[in-house]
């Protein structure tokens, strides 16, 4: 058996190799290139012919380095950085070579229970990447909407009256990207606005044009011209960004459904036309059957859990991974329960806590 510890970075990695009973026998640094990683793989296979007996400990479970090591057949054991930090010297000094040595000693410890990394398959990996990007895009969308609302309150409050409670609708965003100011929209005639609404697929273009006219005719406070000139471009840019995010999120949602069901949804019922289990991640229909889970939430949960549920030995292990397992703290006469673990998969934990209450009256948290 060969133990290896890696302190990874963006441009290079410090490596420590060791054997049981001998400790660390070799330390060196490799570049974050194909040649550097190939050198590491070749050296490990020189010291241990069986790739499965090469135990590699490092402080991440993602990235091109991890994928290259798993493709080589090595046993990758990701650990939390706090595990390495607790084993540093009394001064707690951070040093890359020392951290690699500590990781190597962790890999050589046969009594330390480290969980082997089981990489996602192709479909589950794509689903996880899309779901994470969609979550980030949702946060960007909320941030841009708040900024757009603040800018409209500053120079164009009539737009908020036109939008009502749906500022993020496609029609409003297209309207603001074309006419980002009060005077610009007022210069357009009712016929132009009705034609615009019809082209934007608004259900009642004439009513929309009348609502725009009423909002523009309402009494308003005067706005400085320099502020209008400064903010008009910002409003148009923000509306264009929101439209792009909305279109991309819809495309992602369609792909999520396809990965969960094996086929794209069709028709008003949004059912898969020809489901193919071979093109779907295992259990995709089961995730969608949970109360409160749509395509997006089901994709976020399924993508984080992966396509190999056997990596979790017990239901409590899955709960700990999602951060929903309660943690009891007892000391002397004091006892309290921490309802949420700090160390967990935050993407999965956020998706699970986002579930609404089910119609039956019980909480539709992800079951243990």
Protein backbone atom coordinates (compact mmCIF):
# COMPACT_ATOMS: atom_id res chain seq x y z
CA UNK A 1 0.00 0.00 0.00
CA UNK A 2 1.17 3.49 -0.83
CA UNK A 3 -0.03 6.63 0.87
CA UNK A 4 0.02 10.02 -0.82
CA UNK A 5 -0.83 13.46 0.46
CA UNK A 6 -1.43 16.43 -1.83
CA UNK A 7 -1.68 20.10 -0.92
CA UNK A 8 -3.35 21.42 -4.05
CA UNK A 9 -3.26 24.90 -5.57
CA UNK A 10 -4.17 26.52 -8.87
CA UNK A 11 -0.74 26.39 -10.55
CA UNK A 12 1.16 23.70 -8.63
CA UNK A 13 0.69 20.93 -6.03
CA UNK A 14 2.93 19.75 -3.18
CA UNK A 15 3.06 15.95 -2.91
CA UNK A 16 4.23 13.62 -0.13
CA UNK A 17 4.51 9.84 -0.61
CA UNK A 18 4.88 7.25 2.13
CA UNK A 19 4.61 3.58 3.08
CA UNK A 20 3.19 1.91 6.21
CA UNK A 21 5.89 1.53 8.86
CA UNK A 22 8.25 3.90 7.04
CA UNK A 23 6.29 7.13 7.11
CA UNK A 24 6.92 9.80 4.50
CA UNK A 25 9.65 8.66 2.10
CA UNK A 26 9.50 11.30 -0.61
CA UNK A 27 8.26 14.88 -1.14
CA UNK A 28 8.21 16.93 -4.32
CA UNK A 29 6.19 19.56 -6.21
CA UNK A 30 4.37 19.15 -9.53
CA UNK A 31 2.88 21.68 -11.91
CA UNK A 32 -0.84 21.78 -12.59
CA UNK A 33 -0.34 20.48 -16.11
CA UNK A 34 -0.86 17.20 -17.91
CA UNK A 35 2.87 16.50 -17.68
CA UNK A 36 2.94 17.26 -13.95
CA UNK A 37 -0.01 15.05 -13.10
CA UNK A 38 1.38 12.34 -15.39
CA UNK A 39 4.63 12.47 -13.45
CA UNK A 40 2.72 11.97 -10.18
CA UNK A 41 0.74 9.03 -11.56
CA UNK A 42 3.86 7.38 -12.98
CA UNK A 43 5.78 7.76 -9.71
CA UNK A 44 2.92 6.27 -7.70
CA UNK A 45 2.71 3.27 -10.02
CA UNK A 46 6.46 2.75 -9.71
CA UNK A 47 6.11 2.41 -5.94
CA UNK A 48 2.79 0.50 -6.01
CA UNK A 49 1.73 -1.52 -9.03
CA UNK A 50 -1.92 -1.85 -7.97
CA UNK A 51 -3.65 1.54 -8.43
CA UNK A 52 -6.40 0.61 -5.96
CA UNK A 53 -3.76 0.36 -3.19
CA UNK A 54 -2.66 3.96 -3.73
CA UNK A 55 -4.51 6.01 -1.08
CA UNK A 56 -4.48 9.74 -1.83
CA UNK A 57 -5.65 12.32 0.71
CA UNK A 58 -6.30 15.93 -0.33
CA UNK A 59 -8.51 18.79 0.81
CA UNK A 60 -10.98 18.89 -2.08
CA UNK A 61 -13.33 16.55 -3.89
CA UNK A 62 -13.68 18.54 -7.12
CA UNK A 63 -11.46 19.72 -9.93
CA UNK A 64 -9.38 18.42 -12.81
CA UNK A 65 -6.71 17.01 -10.49
CA UNK A 66 -9.25 14.88 -8.63
CA UNK A 67 -10.74 13.64 -11.90
CA UNK A 68 -7.30 12.66 -13.21
CA UNK A 69 -6.52 10.73 -10.03
CA UNK A 70 -9.82 8.84 -10.05
CA UNK A 71 -9.41 8.06 -13.76
CA UNK A 72 -6.03 6.53 -12.91
CA UNK A 73 -7.80 4.12 -10.54
CA UNK A 74 -6.39 5.56 -7.31
CA UNK A 75 -8.35 5.57 -4.05
CA UNK A 76 -9.08 9.25 -3.45
CA UNK A 77 -9.94 10.23 0.13
CA UNK A 78 -11.05 13.88 0.37
CA UNK A 79 -10.93 15.46 3.83
CA UNK A 80 -12.12 18.70 5.35
CA UNK A 81 -9.33 21.32 5.63
CA UNK A 82 -10.03 21.53 9.37
CA UNK A 83 -8.85 17.91 9.72
CA UNK A 84 -5.43 18.94 8.44
CA UNK A 85 -5.39 22.19 10.41
CA UNK A 86 -5.94 20.36 13.72
CA UNK A 87 -2.81 18.25 13.10
CA UNK A 88 -0.42 21.12 12.57
CA UNK A 89 2.18 22.04 15.17
CA UNK A 90 1.56 24.15 18.28
CA UNK A 91 2.15 27.34 16.28
CA UNK A 92 -0.50 26.22 13.70
CA UNK A 93 1.77 27.50 10.93
CA UNK A 94 0.43 27.01 7.42
CA UNK A 95 2.96 25.46 5.06
CA UNK A 96 2.17 23.69 1.80
CA UNK A 97 4.84 21.00 2.14
CA UNK A 98 3.88 20.35 5.77
CA UNK A 99 0.19 20.05 4.86
CA UNK A 100 1.10 17.51 2.16
CA UNK A 101 3.06 15.54 4.76
CA UNK A 102 0.09 15.59 7.15
CA UNK A 103 -2.22 14.38 4.37
CA UNK A 104 0.21 11.54 3.63
CA UNK A 105 0.18 10.45 7.29
CA UNK A 106 -3.62 10.52 7.22
CA UNK A 107 -3.57 8.24 4.17
CA UNK A 108 -1.27 5.80 5.97
CA UNK A 109 -3.47 5.66 9.10
CA UNK A 110 -5.44 2.42 8.70
CA UNK A 111 -7.59 3.15 11.77
CA UNK A 112 -8.79 6.52 10.51
CA UNK A 113 -12.20 6.16 8.90
CA UNK A 114 -11.98 8.15 5.68
CA UNK A 115 -14.75 7.92 3.10
CA UNK A 116 -13.62 6.96 -0.38
CA UNK A 117 -14.65 9.37 -3.11
CA UNK A 118 -17.19 7.83 -5.47
CA UNK A 119 -17.24 10.16 -8.49
CA UNK A 120 -20.45 11.09 -10.22
CA UNK A 121 -21.29 9.46 -13.50
CA UNK A 122 -21.56 11.45 -16.71
CA UNK A 123 -25.29 12.18 -16.39
CA UNK A 124 -25.20 12.91 -12.65
CA UNK A 125 -22.14 15.11 -13.06
CA UNK A 126 -23.85 17.16 -15.77
CA UNK A 127 -26.99 17.44 -13.66
CA UNK A 128 -25.03 18.65 -10.62
CA UNK A 129 -23.13 21.25 -12.67
CA UNK A 130 -26.32 22.59 -14.28
CA UNK A 131 -28.21 22.68 -10.98
CA UNK A 132 -25.43 24.59 -9.24
CA UNK A 133 -25.16 27.10 -12.07
CA UNK A 134 -28.93 27.53 -12.03
CA UNK A 135 -28.86 28.26 -8.30
CA UNK A 136 -26.15 30.89 -8.79
CA UNK A 137 -28.12 32.40 -11.68
CA UNK A 138 -31.21 32.59 -9.44
CA UNK A 139 -29.22 34.59 -6.88
CA UNK A 140 -27.92 36.88 -9.64
CA UNK A 141 -31.46 37.32 -10.91
CA UNK A 142 -32.74 38.42 -7.49
CA UNK A 143 -29.81 40.80 -7.07
CA UNK A 144 -30.34 42.38 -10.49
CA UNK A 145 -34.09 42.72 -9.92
CA UNK A 146 -33.48 44.57 -6.65
CA UNK A 147 -31.00 46.87 -8.40
CA UNK A 148 -33.44 47.47 -11.26
CA UNK A 149 -36.21 48.35 -8.83
CA UNK A 150 -33.97 50.84 -7.02
CA UNK A 151 -32.96 52.52 -10.29
CA UNK A 152 -36.57 52.75 -11.44
CA UNK A 153 -37.60 54.35 -8.15
CA UNK A 154 -34.89 56.94 -8.72
CA UNK A 155 -35.78 58.08 -12.26
CA UNK A 156 -38.72 56.07 -13.69
CA UNK A 157 -41.32 55.19 -11.00
CA UNK A 158 -44.04 54.91 -13.66
CA UNK A 159 -42.42 51.66 -14.81
CA UNK A 160 -43.18 50.09 -11.42
CA UNK A 161 -46.83 51.10 -11.82
CA UNK A 162 -46.88 49.51 -15.26
CA UNK A 163 -45.28 46.31 -13.98
CA UNK A 164 -47.52 45.98 -10.95
CA UNK A 165 -46.15 43.06 -8.97
CA UNK A 166 -44.33 41.40 -11.89
CA UNK A 167 -41.28 43.50 -12.65
CA UNK A 168 -39.37 40.45 -13.87
CA UNK A 169 -41.88 39.49 -16.57
CA UNK A 170 -40.48 39.18 -20.11
CA UNK A 171 -42.75 41.95 -21.42
CA UNK A 172 -41.55 44.45 -18.81
CA UNK A 173 -37.91 43.57 -19.27
CA UNK A 174 -38.18 43.93 -23.04
CA UNK A 175 -40.00 47.23 -22.55
CA UNK A 176 -37.26 48.61 -20.30
CA UNK A 177 -34.47 47.41 -22.56
CA UNK A 178 -36.10 49.34 -25.44
CA UNK A 179 -37.43 52.40 -23.55
CA UNK A 180 -35.43 52.73 -20.31
CA UNK A 181 -36.70 56.22 -19.44
CA UNK A 182 -39.97 58.09 -18.90
CA UNK A 183 -39.52 60.53 -21.79
CA UNK A 184 -38.40 57.78 -24.16
CA UNK A 185 -41.50 55.72 -23.44
CA UNK A 186 -43.75 58.78 -23.61
CA UNK A 187 -42.40 59.57 -27.09
CA UNK A 188 -43.73 56.24 -28.36
CA UNK A 189 -47.33 56.30 -29.46
CA UNK A 190 -50.09 53.96 -28.22
CA UNK A 191 -49.93 52.07 -31.51
CA UNK A 192 -46.21 51.44 -31.12
CA UNK A 193 -46.68 50.19 -27.57
CA UNK A 194 -49.57 47.93 -28.59
CA UNK A 195 -47.50 46.54 -31.47
CA UNK A 196 -44.61 45.98 -29.09
CA UNK A 197 -46.86 44.12 -26.64
CA UNK A 198 -48.27 42.01 -29.45
CA UNK A 199 -44.75 41.10 -30.64
CA UNK A 200 -43.79 40.26 -27.03
CA UNK A 201 -46.76 37.84 -26.92
CA UNK A 202 -48.72 39.80 -24.34
CA UNK A 203 -52.27 38.48 -24.02
CA UNK A 204 -53.99 41.90 -24.07
CA UNK A 205 -51.84 44.38 -26.03
CA UNK A 206 -54.47 47.13 -26.09
CA UNK A 207 -55.01 46.90 -22.33
CA UNK A 208 -51.26 46.99 -21.82
CA UNK A 209 -50.96 50.13 -23.96
CA UNK A 210 -53.75 51.77 -21.96
CA UNK A 211 -52.03 50.88 -18.67
CA UNK A 212 -48.81 52.40 -19.95
CA UNK A 213 -50.61 55.60 -20.92
CA UNK A 214 -52.30 55.88 -17.50
CA UNK A 215 -48.99 55.36 -15.67
CA UNK A 216 -47.23 57.99 -17.79
CA UNK A 217 -50.01 60.55 -17.23
CA UNK A 218 -49.93 60.14 -13.44
CA UNK A 219 -48.47 62.93 -11.32
CA UNK A 220 -44.76 62.49 -10.56
CA UNK A 221 -41.94 64.33 -8.85
CA UNK A 222 -39.39 66.04 -11.08
CA UNK A 223 -36.20 64.13 -11.82
CA UNK A 224 -32.81 65.69 -12.55
CA UNK A 225 -31.79 65.34 -16.19
CA UNK A 226 -28.22 64.30 -15.38
CA UNK A 227 -29.56 61.40 -13.29
CA UNK A 228 -31.81 60.28 -16.13
CA UNK A 229 -28.87 60.31 -18.54
CA UNK A 230 -26.75 58.34 -16.08
CA UNK A 231 -29.32 55.71 -15.15
CA UNK A 232 -31.00 55.04 -18.50
CA UNK A 233 -28.10 52.95 -19.77
CA UNK A 234 -27.94 51.06 -16.47
CA UNK A 235 -31.64 50.20 -16.62
CA UNK A 236 -31.37 48.97 -20.23
CA UNK A 237 -28.29 46.90 -19.36
CA UNK A 238 -29.91 45.34 -16.29
CA UNK A 239 -33.07 44.46 -18.20
CA UNK A 240 -31.00 42.84 -20.97
CA UNK A 241 -29.03 40.83 -18.40
CA UNK A 242 -32.23 39.64 -16.73
CA UNK A 243 -33.65 38.53 -20.08
CA UNK A 244 -30.49 36.54 -20.84
CA UNK A 245 -30.53 34.90 -17.40
CA UNK A 246 -34.22 34.02 -17.77
CA UNK A 247 -33.71 32.40 -21.17
CA UNK A 248 -30.71 30.40 -19.97
CA UNK A 249 -32.52 29.21 -16.84
CA UNK A 250 -35.42 27.98 -18.96
CA UNK A 251 -32.99 26.04 -21.15
CA UNK A 252 -31.36 24.58 -18.04
CA UNK A 253 -34.75 23.58 -16.64
CA UNK A 254 -35.58 21.67 -19.82
CA UNK A 255 -32.23 19.88 -19.65
CA UNK A 256 -32.77 19.02 -15.97
CA UNK A 257 -36.08 17.38 -16.78
CA UNK A 258 -34.45 15.47 -19.61
CA UNK A 259 -31.70 14.17 -17.31
CA UNK A 260 -34.21 13.16 -14.64
CA UNK A 261 -36.69 11.44 -16.98
CA UNK A 262 -34.58 10.42 -19.96
CA UNK A 263 -36.57 12.54 -22.40
CA UNK A 264 -37.63 16.15 -22.86
CA UNK A 265 -41.11 17.17 -21.70
CA UNK A 266 -43.74 17.84 -24.37
CA UNK A 267 -47.27 19.19 -24.52
CA UNK A 268 -49.32 21.14 -22.05
CA UNK A 269 -49.12 18.35 -19.49
CA UNK A 270 -45.31 18.57 -19.67
CA UNK A 271 -44.92 14.80 -19.72
CA UNK A 272 -41.96 13.04 -21.35
CA UNK A 273 -42.79 11.88 -24.85
CA UNK A 274 -40.53 8.84 -25.01
CA UNK A 275 -38.79 8.21 -21.66
CA UNK A 276 -35.51 6.35 -21.93
CA UNK A 277 -34.13 5.08 -18.58
CA UNK A 278 -30.72 4.69 -20.18
CA UNK A 279 -30.52 8.47 -20.64
CA UNK A 280 -31.72 9.35 -17.13
CA UNK A 281 -29.94 9.24 -13.78
CA UNK A 282 -31.07 6.37 -11.51
CA UNK A 283 -34.11 7.29 -9.43
CA UNK A 284 -35.02 10.40 -11.39
CA UNK A 285 -38.75 9.64 -11.34
CA UNK A 286 -38.56 8.90 -7.60
CA UNK A 287 -37.10 12.32 -6.87
CA UNK A 288 -39.83 13.99 -8.91
CA UNK A 289 -42.50 12.05 -7.01
CA UNK A 290 -41.61 13.70 -3.68
CA UNK A 291 -44.10 16.37 -2.51
CA UNK A 292 -42.85 19.85 -3.27
CA UNK A 293 -40.13 18.81 -5.74
CA UNK A 294 -40.25 20.22 -9.26
CA UNK A 295 -37.65 19.83 -11.96
CA UNK A 296 -35.26 22.38 -10.43
CA UNK A 297 -35.34 21.24 -6.79
CA UNK A 298 -35.33 17.56 -7.76
CA UNK A 299 -32.32 18.18 -10.00
CA UNK A 300 -30.44 19.99 -7.24
CA UNK A 301 -31.02 17.16 -4.77
CA UNK A 302 -30.38 14.33 -7.24
CA UNK A 303 -27.27 16.03 -8.60
CA UNK A 304 -25.69 16.44 -5.16
CA UNK A 305 -26.50 12.90 -4.00
CA UNK A 306 -25.24 11.38 -7.24
CA UNK A 307 -26.07 8.17 -9.03
CA UNK A 308 -24.58 5.81 -6.39
CA UNK A 309 -26.78 5.93 -3.29
CA UNK A 310 -24.80 3.06 -1.74
CA UNK A 311 -22.05 5.53 -0.77
CA UNK A 312 -24.23 6.37 2.23
CA UNK A 313 -24.19 3.42 4.63
CA UNK A 314 -27.16 4.62 6.68
CA UNK A 315 -29.98 7.16 6.32
CA UNK A 316 -28.29 9.18 9.06
CA UNK A 317 -25.19 9.44 6.89
CA UNK A 318 -27.24 11.05 4.14
CA UNK A 319 -28.83 13.39 6.69
CA UNK A 320 -25.38 14.43 7.92
CA UNK A 321 -24.29 15.03 4.31
CA UNK A 322 -27.30 17.31 3.78
CA UNK A 323 -26.92 19.05 7.14
CA UNK A 324 -30.35 18.03 8.47
CA UNK A 325 -29.16 15.57 11.14
CA UNK A 326 -29.53 17.16 14.61
CA UNK A 327 -26.37 17.34 16.72
CA UNK A 328 -26.70 16.94 20.50
CA UNK A 329 -24.31 18.85 22.77
CA UNK A 330 -24.08 17.52 26.34
CA UNK A 331 -21.69 18.81 29.00
CA UNK A 332 -22.43 18.43 32.68
CA UNK A 333 -25.96 19.56 33.31
CA UNK A 334 -26.32 21.46 30.06
CA UNK A 335 -27.83 19.84 27.00
CA UNK A 336 -29.01 21.37 23.77
CA UNK A 337 -29.54 20.27 20.18
CA UNK A 338 -28.03 22.02 17.18
CA UNK A 339 -30.66 21.69 14.48
CA UNK A 340 -28.26 22.25 11.57
CA UNK A 341 -24.75 20.94 11.11
CA UNK A 342 -22.07 23.41 10.06
CA UNK A 343 -20.05 20.84 8.09
CA UNK A 344 -22.26 19.58 5.26
CA UNK A 345 -22.92 19.91 1.55
CA UNK A 346 -24.35 23.42 1.46
CA UNK A 347 -25.87 23.02 -2.01
CA UNK A 348 -27.84 19.98 -0.85
CA UNK A 349 -28.72 21.57 2.49
CA UNK A 350 -30.07 24.70 0.81
CA UNK A 351 -32.14 22.65 -1.64
CA UNK A 352 -33.62 20.48 1.14
CA UNK A 353 -34.57 23.42 3.37
CA UNK A 354 -36.18 25.15 0.37
CA UNK A 355 -38.92 22.51 0.22
CA UNK A 356 -42.40 23.85 1.07
CA UNK A 357 -44.90 22.30 3.44
CA UNK A 358 -46.78 19.44 1.79
CA UNK A 359 -50.57 19.54 1.34
CA UNK A 360 -50.95 16.63 3.77
CA UNK A 361 -49.73 18.84 6.60
CA UNK A 362 -46.35 17.28 7.28
CA UNK A 363 -43.01 18.78 6.37
CA UNK A 364 -41.81 17.52 3.02
CA UNK A 365 -38.15 17.46 3.92
CA UNK A 366 -36.01 14.95 2.09
CA UNK A 367 -36.74 11.69 3.89
CA UNK A 368 -34.08 9.98 5.94
